[in-house]
Structure formats: structure tokens, C-alpha cells
PDB file of N, CA and C in Angstrom:
ATOM      1  N   MET A   1     -44.939 -60.389-112.015  1.00  0.00           N
ATOM      2  CA  MET A   1     -44.915 -60.859-113.385  1.00  0.00           C
ATOM      3  C   MET A   1     -44.451 -59.753-114.313  1.00  0.00           C
ATOM      4  N   LYS A   2     -43.746 -60.144-115.330  1.00  0.00           N
ATOM      5  CA  LYS A   2     -43.320 -59.166-116.308  1.00  0.00           C
ATOM      6  C   LYS A   2     -44.482 -58.844-117.229  1.00  0.00           C
ATOM      7  N   TYR A   3     -44.513 -57.601-117.699  1.00  0.00           N
ATOM      8  CA  TYR A   3     -45.601 -57.108-118.534  1.00  0.00           C
ATOM      9  C   TYR A   3     -45.747 -57.926-119.815  1.00  0.00           C
ATOM     10  N   LYS A   4     -44.654 -58.205-120.498  1.00  0.00           N
ATOM     11  CA  LYS A   4     -44.694 -58.962-121.747  1.00  0.00           C
ATOM     12  C   LYS A   4     -45.171 -60.391-121.497  1.00  0.00           C
ATOM     13  N   TYR A   5     -44.796 -60.956-120.389  1.00  0.00           N
ATOM     14  CA  TYR A   5     -45.222 -62.304-120.026  1.00  0.00           C
ATOM     15  C   TYR A   5     -46.741 -62.366-119.915  1.00  0.00           C
ATOM     16  N   ILE A   6     -47.343 -61.357-119.307  1.00  0.00           N
ATOM     17  CA  ILE A   6     -48.795 -61.302-119.153  1.00  0.00           C
ATOM     18  C   ILE A   6     -49.460 -61.180-120.523  1.00  0.00           C
ATOM     19  N   SER A   7     -48.923 -60.358-121.394  1.00  0.00           N
ATOM     20  CA  SER A   7     -49.473 -60.189-122.741  1.00  0.00           C
ATOM     21  C   SER A   7     -49.483 -61.516-123.490  1.00  0.00           C
ATOM     22  N   GLY A   8     -48.413 -62.263-123.361  1.00  0.00           N
ATOM     23  CA  GLY A   8     -48.323 -63.564-124.025  1.00  0.00           C
ATOM     24  C   GLY A   8     -49.347 -64.555-123.501  1.00  0.00           C
ATOM     25  N   ARG A   9     -49.495 -64.596-122.189  1.00  0.00           N
ATOM     26  CA  ARG A   9     -50.474 -65.515-121.590  1.00  0.00           C
ATOM     27  C   ARG A   9     -51.895 -65.123-121.965  1.00  0.00           C
ATOM     28  N   LEU A  10     -52.167 -63.820-121.977  1.00  0.00           N
ATOM     29  CA  LEU A  10     -53.485 -63.326-122.358  1.00  0.00           C
ATOM     30  C   LEU A  10     -53.797 -63.722-123.801  1.00  0.00           C
ATOM     31  N   GLY A  11     -52.849 -63.496-124.684  1.00  0.00           N
ATOM     32  CA  GLY A  11     -53.039 -63.851-126.089  1.00  0.00           C
ATOM     33  C   GLY A  11     -53.279 -65.332-126.296  1.00  0.00           C
ATOM     34  N   LYS A  12     -52.511 -66.146-125.605  1.00  0.00           N
ATOM     35  CA  LYS A  12     -52.676 -67.598-125.725  1.00  0.00           C
ATOM     36  C   LYS A  12     -54.043 -68.047-125.214  1.00  0.00           C
ATOM     37  N   GLU A  13     -54.503 -67.437-124.153  1.00  0.00           N
ATOM     38  CA  GLU A  13     -55.810 -67.797-123.596  1.00  0.00           C
ATOM     39  C   GLU A  13     -56.940 -67.391-124.542  1.00  0.00           C
ATOM     40  N   ILE A  14     -56.839 -66.200-125.113  1.00  0.00           N
ATOM     41  CA  ILE A  14     -57.848 -65.759-126.080  1.00  0.00           C
ATOM     42  C   ILE A  14     -57.849 -66.701-127.282  1.00  0.00           C
ATOM     43  N   SER A  15     -56.688 -67.044-127.769  1.00  0.00           N
ATOM     44  CA  SER A  15     -56.572 -67.959-128.906  1.00  0.00           C
ATOM     45  C   SER A  15     -57.166 -69.326-128.572  1.00  0.00           C
ATOM     46  N   ARG A  16     -56.856 -69.833-127.388  1.00  0.00           N
ATOM     47  CA  ARG A  16     -57.363 -71.145-126.977  1.00  0.00           C
ATOM     48  C   ARG A  16     -58.887 -71.156-126.946  1.00  0.00           C
ATOM     49  N   ILE A  17     -59.469 -70.133-126.342  1.00  0.00           N
ATOM     50  CA  ILE A  17     -60.927 -70.062-126.235  1.00  0.00           C
ATOM     51  C   ILE A  17     -61.555 -69.903-127.619  1.00  0.00           C
ATOM     52  N   ARG A  18     -60.955 -69.065-128.449  1.00  0.00           N
ATOM     53  CA  ARG A  18     -61.481 -68.847-129.801  1.00  0.00           C
ATOM     54  C   ARG A  18     -61.505 -70.152-130.585  1.00  0.00           C
ATOM     55  N   LYS A  19     -60.420 -70.919-130.508  1.00  0.00           N
ATOM     56  CA  LYS A  19     -60.350 -72.200-131.220  1.00  0.00           C
ATOM     57  C   LYS A  19     -61.325 -73.211-130.636  1.00  0.00           C
ATOM     58  N   GLU A  20     -61.469 -73.197-129.322  1.00  0.00           N
ATOM     59  CA  GLU A  20     -62.419 -74.085-128.652  1.00  0.00           C
ATOM     60  C   GLU A  20     -63.847 -73.818-129.142  1.00  0.00           C
ATOM     61  N   LYS A  21     -64.145 -72.564-129.428  1.00  0.00           N
ATOM     62  CA  LYS A  21     -65.475 -72.163-129.899  1.00  0.00           C
ATOM     63  C   LYS A  21     -65.585 -72.266-131.420  1.00  0.00           C
ATOM     64  N   LYS A  22     -64.520 -72.771-132.042  1.00  0.00           N
ATOM     65  CA  LYS A  22     -64.470 -72.988-133.484  1.00  0.00           C
ATOM     66  C   LYS A  22     -64.698 -71.708-134.296  1.00  0.00           C
ATOM     67  N   LEU A  23     -64.042 -70.644-133.845  1.00  0.00           N
ATOM     68  CA  LEU A  23     -64.096 -69.360-134.544  1.00  0.00           C
ATOM     69  C   LEU A  23     -62.732 -69.074-135.161  1.00  0.00           C
ATOM     70  N   SER A  24     -62.731 -68.526-136.353  1.00  0.00           N
ATOM     71  CA  SER A  24     -61.478 -68.061-136.944  1.00  0.00           C
ATOM     72  C   SER A  24     -61.180 -66.672-136.384  1.00  0.00           C
ATOM     73  N   GLN A  25     -59.965 -66.226-136.583  1.00  0.00           N
ATOM     74  CA  GLN A  25     -59.629 -64.861-136.173  1.00  0.00           C
ATOM     75  C   GLN A  25     -60.531 -63.876-136.909  1.00  0.00           C
ATOM     76  N   GLU A  26     -60.780 -64.148-138.167  1.00  0.00           N
ATOM     77  CA  GLU A  26     -61.617 -63.254-138.961  1.00  0.00           C
ATOM     78  C   GLU A  26     -63.045 -63.213-138.421  1.00  0.00           C
ATOM     79  N   ASP A  27     -63.592 -64.377-138.041  1.00  0.00           N
ATOM     80  CA  ASP A  27     -64.946 -64.415-137.459  1.00  0.00           C
ATOM     81  C   ASP A  27     -65.025 -63.538-136.222  1.00  0.00           C
ATOM     82  N   LEU A  28     -64.058 -63.710-135.346  1.00  0.00           N
ATOM     83  CA  LEU A  28     -64.064 -62.947-134.099  1.00  0.00           C
ATOM     84  C   LEU A  28     -63.865 -61.461-134.368  1.00  0.00           C
ATOM     85  N   ALA A  29     -62.940 -61.132-135.242  1.00  0.00           N
ATOM     86  CA  ALA A  29     -62.633 -59.732-135.522  1.00  0.00           C
ATOM     87  C   ALA A  29     -63.798 -59.015-136.194  1.00  0.00           C
ATOM     88  N   LEU A  30     -64.409 -59.647-137.159  1.00  0.00           N
ATOM     89  CA  LEU A  30     -65.489 -58.997-137.900  1.00  0.00           C
ATOM     90  C   LEU A  30     -66.727 -58.774-137.046  1.00  0.00           C
ATOM     91  N   ASP A  31     -66.961 -59.675-136.101  1.00  0.00           N
ATOM     92  CA  ASP A  31     -68.156 -59.561-135.273  1.00  0.00           C
ATOM     93  C   ASP A  31     -68.169 -58.274-134.459  1.00  0.00           C
ATOM     94  N   ARG A  32     -67.020 -57.791-134.042  1.00  0.00           N
ATOM     95  CA  ARG A  32     -66.940 -56.595-133.189  1.00  0.00           C
ATOM     96  C   ARG A  32     -66.053 -55.511-133.770  1.00  0.00           C
ATOM     97  N   TYR A  33     -65.836 -55.551-135.065  1.00  0.00           N
ATOM     98  CA  TYR A  33     -65.086 -54.508-135.754  1.00  0.00           C
ATOM     99  C   TYR A  33     -63.680 -54.317-135.192  1.00  0.00           C
ATOM    100  N   ILE A  34     -63.006 -55.426-135.014  1.00  0.00           N
ATOM    101  CA  ILE A  34     -61.598 -55.409-134.613  1.00  0.00           C
ATOM    102  C   ILE A  34     -60.806 -55.856-135.835  1.00  0.00           C
ATOM    103  N   ASP A  35     -59.743 -55.182-136.150  1.00  0.00           N
ATOM    104  CA  ASP A  35     -58.929 -55.573-137.291  1.00  0.00           C
ATOM    105  C   ASP A  35     -58.326 -56.954-137.036  1.00  0.00           C
ATOM    106  N   ARG A  36     -58.409 -57.854-138.021  1.00  0.00           N
ATOM    107  CA  ARG A  36     -57.923 -59.212-137.859  1.00  0.00           C
ATOM    108  C   ARG A  36     -56.418 -59.239-137.561  1.00  0.00           C
ATOM    109  N   SER A  37     -55.668 -58.360-138.188  1.00  0.00           N
ATOM    110  CA  SER A  37     -54.223 -58.343-137.931  1.00  0.00           C
ATOM    111  C   SER A  37     -53.930 -57.871-136.500  1.00  0.00           C
ATOM    112  N   TYR A  38     -54.757 -56.983-135.988  1.00  0.00           N
ATOM    113  CA  TYR A  38     -54.605 -56.531-134.592  1.00  0.00           C
ATOM    114  C   TYR A  38     -54.917 -57.689-133.642  1.00  0.00           C
ATOM    115  N   LEU A  39     -55.955 -58.456-133.959  1.00  0.00           N
ATOM    116  CA  LEU A  39     -56.291 -59.628-133.145  1.00  0.00           C
ATOM    117  C   LEU A  39     -55.140 -60.633-133.162  1.00  0.00           C
ATOM    118  N   ALA A  40     -54.533 -60.824-134.324  1.00  0.00           N
ATOM    119  CA  ALA A  40     -53.381 -61.734-134.417  1.00  0.00           C
ATOM    120  C   ALA A  40     -52.246 -61.269-133.517  1.00  0.00           C
ATOM    121  N   GLU A  41     -51.994 -59.968-133.494  1.00  0.00           N
ATOM    122  CA  GLU A  41     -50.940 -59.425-132.632  1.00  0.00           C
ATOM    123  C   GLU A  41     -51.270 -59.632-131.157  1.00  0.00           C
ATOM    124  N   ILE A  42     -52.548 -59.506-130.809  1.00  0.00           N
ATOM    125  CA  ILE A  42     -52.968 -59.754-129.420  1.00  0.00           C
ATOM    126  C   ILE A  42     -52.705 -61.209-129.070  1.00  0.00           C
ATOM    127  N   GLU A  43     -53.138 -62.124-129.933  1.00  0.00           N
ATOM    128  CA  GLU A  43     -52.972 -63.552-129.661  1.00  0.00           C
ATOM    129  C   GLU A  43     -51.505 -63.968-129.599  1.00  0.00           C
ATOM    130  N   GLU A  44     -50.651 -63.270-130.315  1.00  0.00           N
ATOM    131  CA  GLU A  44     -49.217 -63.572-130.300  1.00  0.00           C
ATOM    132  C   GLU A  44     -48.492 -62.875-129.153  1.00  0.00           C
ATOM    133  N   GLY A  45     -49.222 -62.065-128.385  1.00  0.00           N
ATOM    134  CA  GLY A  45     -48.616 -61.361-127.259  1.00  0.00           C
ATOM    135  C   GLY A  45     -47.742 -60.194-127.680  1.00  0.00           C
ATOM    136  N   LYS A  46     -47.931 -59.702-128.902  1.00  0.00           N
ATOM    137  CA  LYS A  46     -47.105 -58.610-129.415  1.00  0.00           C
ATOM    138  C   LYS A  46     -47.649 -57.236-129.075  1.00  0.00           C
ATOM    139  N   THR A  47     -48.899 -57.166-128.644  1.00  0.00           N
ATOM    140  CA  THR A  47     -49.502 -55.885-128.306  1.00  0.00           C
ATOM    141  C   THR A  47     -50.388 -56.038-127.088  1.00  0.00           C
ATOM    142  N   ASN A  48     -50.663 -54.934-126.452  1.00  0.00           N
ATOM    143  CA  ASN A  48     -51.497 -54.936-125.255  1.00  0.00           C
ATOM    144  C   ASN A  48     -52.840 -54.294-125.584  1.00  0.00           C
ATOM    145  N   PRO A  49     -53.901 -55.100-125.615  1.00  0.00           N
ATOM    146  CA  PRO A  49     -55.206 -54.556-125.967  1.00  0.00           C
ATOM    147  C   PRO A  49     -55.770 -53.662-124.867  1.00  0.00           C
ATOM    148  N   THR A  50     -56.624 -52.740-125.276  1.00  0.00           N
ATOM    149  CA  THR A  50     -57.308 -51.890-124.307  1.00  0.00           C
ATOM    150  C   THR A  50     -58.402 -52.693-123.621  1.00  0.00           C
ATOM    151  N   LEU A  51     -58.900 -52.156-122.540  1.00  0.00           N
ATOM    152  CA  LEU A  51     -60.013 -52.791-121.840  1.00  0.00           C
ATOM    153  C   LEU A  51     -61.222 -52.892-122.768  1.00  0.00           C
ATOM    154  N   LYS A  52     -61.470 -51.864-123.545  1.00  0.00           N
ATOM    155  CA  LYS A  52     -62.590 -51.857-124.486  1.00  0.00           C
ATOM    156  C   LYS A  52     -62.461 -53.014-125.487  1.00  0.00           C
ATOM    157  N   THR A  53     -61.275 -53.227-126.005  1.00  0.00           N
ATOM    158  CA  THR A  53     -61.044 -54.322-126.953  1.00  0.00           C
ATOM    159  C   THR A  53     -61.230 -55.671-126.276  1.00  0.00           C
ATOM    160  N   LEU A  54     -60.722 -55.825-125.064  1.00  0.00           N
ATOM    161  CA  LEU A  54     -60.889 -57.080-124.335  1.00  0.00           C
ATOM    162  C   LEU A  54     -62.365 -57.375-124.065  1.00  0.00           C
ATOM    163  N   LEU A  55     -63.124 -56.347-123.773  1.00  0.00           N
ATOM    164  CA  LEU A  55     -64.555 -56.535-123.557  1.00  0.00           C
ATOM    165  C   LEU A  55     -65.250 -56.959-124.847  1.00  0.00           C
ATOM    166  N   LYS A  56     -64.850 -56.397-125.974  1.00  0.00           N
ATOM    167  CA  LYS A  56     -65.405 -56.797-127.268  1.00  0.00           C
ATOM    168  C   LYS A  56     -65.103 -58.269-127.538  1.00  0.00           C
ATOM    169  N   ILE A  57     -63.858 -58.652-127.316  1.00  0.00           N
ATOM    170  CA  ILE A  57     -63.443 -60.037-127.560  1.00  0.00           C
ATOM    171  C   ILE A  57     -64.209 -60.995-126.654  1.00  0.00           C
ATOM    172  N   SER A  58     -64.299 -60.678-125.377  1.00  0.00           N
ATOM    173  CA  SER A  58     -64.997 -61.572-124.447  1.00  0.00           C
ATOM    174  C   SER A  58     -66.478 -61.679-124.797  1.00  0.00           C
ATOM    175  N   SER A  59     -67.048 -60.608-125.321  1.00  0.00           N
ATOM    176  CA  SER A  59     -68.450 -60.626-125.729  1.00  0.00           C
ATOM    177  C   SER A  59     -68.673 -61.611-126.878  1.00  0.00           C
ATOM    178  N   VAL A  60     -67.818 -61.566-127.877  1.00  0.00           N
ATOM    179  CA  VAL A  60     -67.944 -62.485-129.015  1.00  0.00           C
ATOM    180  C   VAL A  60     -67.707 -63.925-128.562  1.00  0.00           C
ATOM    181  N   LEU A  61     -66.758 -64.115-127.662  1.00  0.00           N
ATOM    182  CA  LEU A  61     -66.454 -65.458-127.169  1.00  0.00           C
ATOM    183  C   LEU A  61     -67.500 -65.963-126.171  1.00  0.00           C
ATOM    184  N   LYS A  62     -68.398 -65.069-125.770  1.00  0.00           N
ATOM    185  CA  LYS A  62     -69.453 -65.402-124.804  1.00  0.00           C
ATOM    186  C   LYS A  62     -68.864 -65.950-123.506  1.00  0.00           C
ATOM    187  N   ILE A  63     -67.895 -65.200-123.001  1.00  0.00           N
ATOM    188  CA  ILE A  63     -67.234 -65.557-121.752  1.00  0.00           C
ATOM    189  C   ILE A  63     -66.960 -64.258-120.993  1.00  0.00           C
ATOM    190  N   LYS A  64     -67.040 -64.317-119.691  1.00  0.00           N
ATOM    191  CA  LYS A  64     -66.756 -63.131-118.889  1.00  0.00           C
ATOM    192  C   LYS A  64     -65.272 -62.790-119.002  1.00  0.00           C
ATOM    193  N   LEU A  65     -64.997 -61.503-119.119  1.00  0.00           N
ATOM    194  CA  LEU A  65     -63.600 -61.063-119.166  1.00  0.00           C
ATOM    195  C   LEU A  65     -62.867 -61.511-117.913  1.00  0.00           C
ATOM    196  N   SER A  66     -63.542 -61.479-116.789  1.00  0.00           N
ATOM    197  CA  SER A  66     -62.897 -61.898-115.537  1.00  0.00           C
ATOM    198  C   SER A  66     -62.456 -63.365-115.598  1.00  0.00           C
ATOM    199  N   ASP A  67     -63.215 -64.206-116.298  1.00  0.00           N
ATOM    200  CA  ASP A  67     -62.819 -65.618-116.432  1.00  0.00           C
ATOM    201  C   ASP A  67     -61.538 -65.757-117.247  1.00  0.00           C
ATOM    202  N   ILE A  68     -61.403 -64.931-118.269  1.00  0.00           N
ATOM    203  CA  ILE A  68     -60.174 -64.942-119.075  1.00  0.00           C
ATOM    204  C   ILE A  68     -59.005 -64.480-118.208  1.00  0.00           C
ATOM    205  N   LEU A  69     -59.201 -63.409-117.486  1.00  0.00           N
ATOM    206  CA  LEU A  69     -58.116 -62.840-116.683  1.00  0.00           C
ATOM    207  C   LEU A  69     -57.691 -63.757-115.547  1.00  0.00           C
ATOM    208  N   VAL A  70     -58.630 -64.487-114.977  1.00  0.00           N
ATOM    209  CA  VAL A  70     -58.286 -65.440-113.905  1.00  0.00           C
ATOM    210  C   VAL A  70     -57.352 -66.505-114.461  1.00  0.00           C
ATOM    211  N   LYS A  71     -57.656 -67.014-115.654  1.00  0.00           N
ATOM    212  CA  LYS A  71     -56.799 -68.040-116.271  1.00  0.00           C
ATOM    213  C   LYS A  71     -55.392 -67.498-116.544  1.00  0.00           C
ATOM    214  N   VAL A  72     -55.328 -66.255-116.992  1.00  0.00           N
ATOM    215  CA  VAL A  72     -54.042 -65.632-117.311  1.00  0.00           C
ATOM    216  C   VAL A  72     -53.194 -65.477-116.050  1.00  0.00           C
ATOM    217  N   ASN A  73     -53.838 -65.220-114.929  1.00  0.00           N
ATOM    218  CA  ASN A  73     -53.135 -64.961-113.690  1.00  0.00           C
ATOM    219  C   ASN A  73     -52.756 -66.236-112.929  1.00  0.00           C
ATOM    220  N   GLN A  74     -53.176 -67.388-113.400  1.00  0.00           N
ATOM    221  CA  GLN A  74     -52.882 -68.641-112.680  1.00  0.00           C
ATOM    222  C   GLN A  74     -51.475 -69.106-112.935  1.00  0.00           C
TER     223      GLN A  74
END
């Protein structure tokens, strides 16, 4: 898989889960001190988040990071 392709799928999955949980980008970002514009870039696949950031996001979404990554890899 191409690196950018993975970033896009990861962002879409995070966005899908966030919307499913009825959270705005701002809700998710503020809960774990992530800049909302940075979260937007992650969801758009424009940037590659660190493991620490992914763990913060998965914590707010109340989902295991491994569950997110499995979906991205399918």
C-alpha cells in the first residue's frame, strides 16, 4: 500500500467513527488537547499522526486503536 493511501483511509475511518459517536471535530480535539485544524488534516489524510495522537483520538472515541487500524488495513 502507498503511504498516502493509508493516511487517507485512516482519516476517513476516524471521521466515520467520530460522526457515528455524534462528536464534532472540536469536541474530539478539545477533550485531548489536539488542535482542531490538525484533526481536520488527519481526517482529510493530509498528515500522518503520531502514535501518541492516535492513542488520544482512540481514547476519546472509546475504541481500541487496533480496531481502527484493522479497518484501515482491510
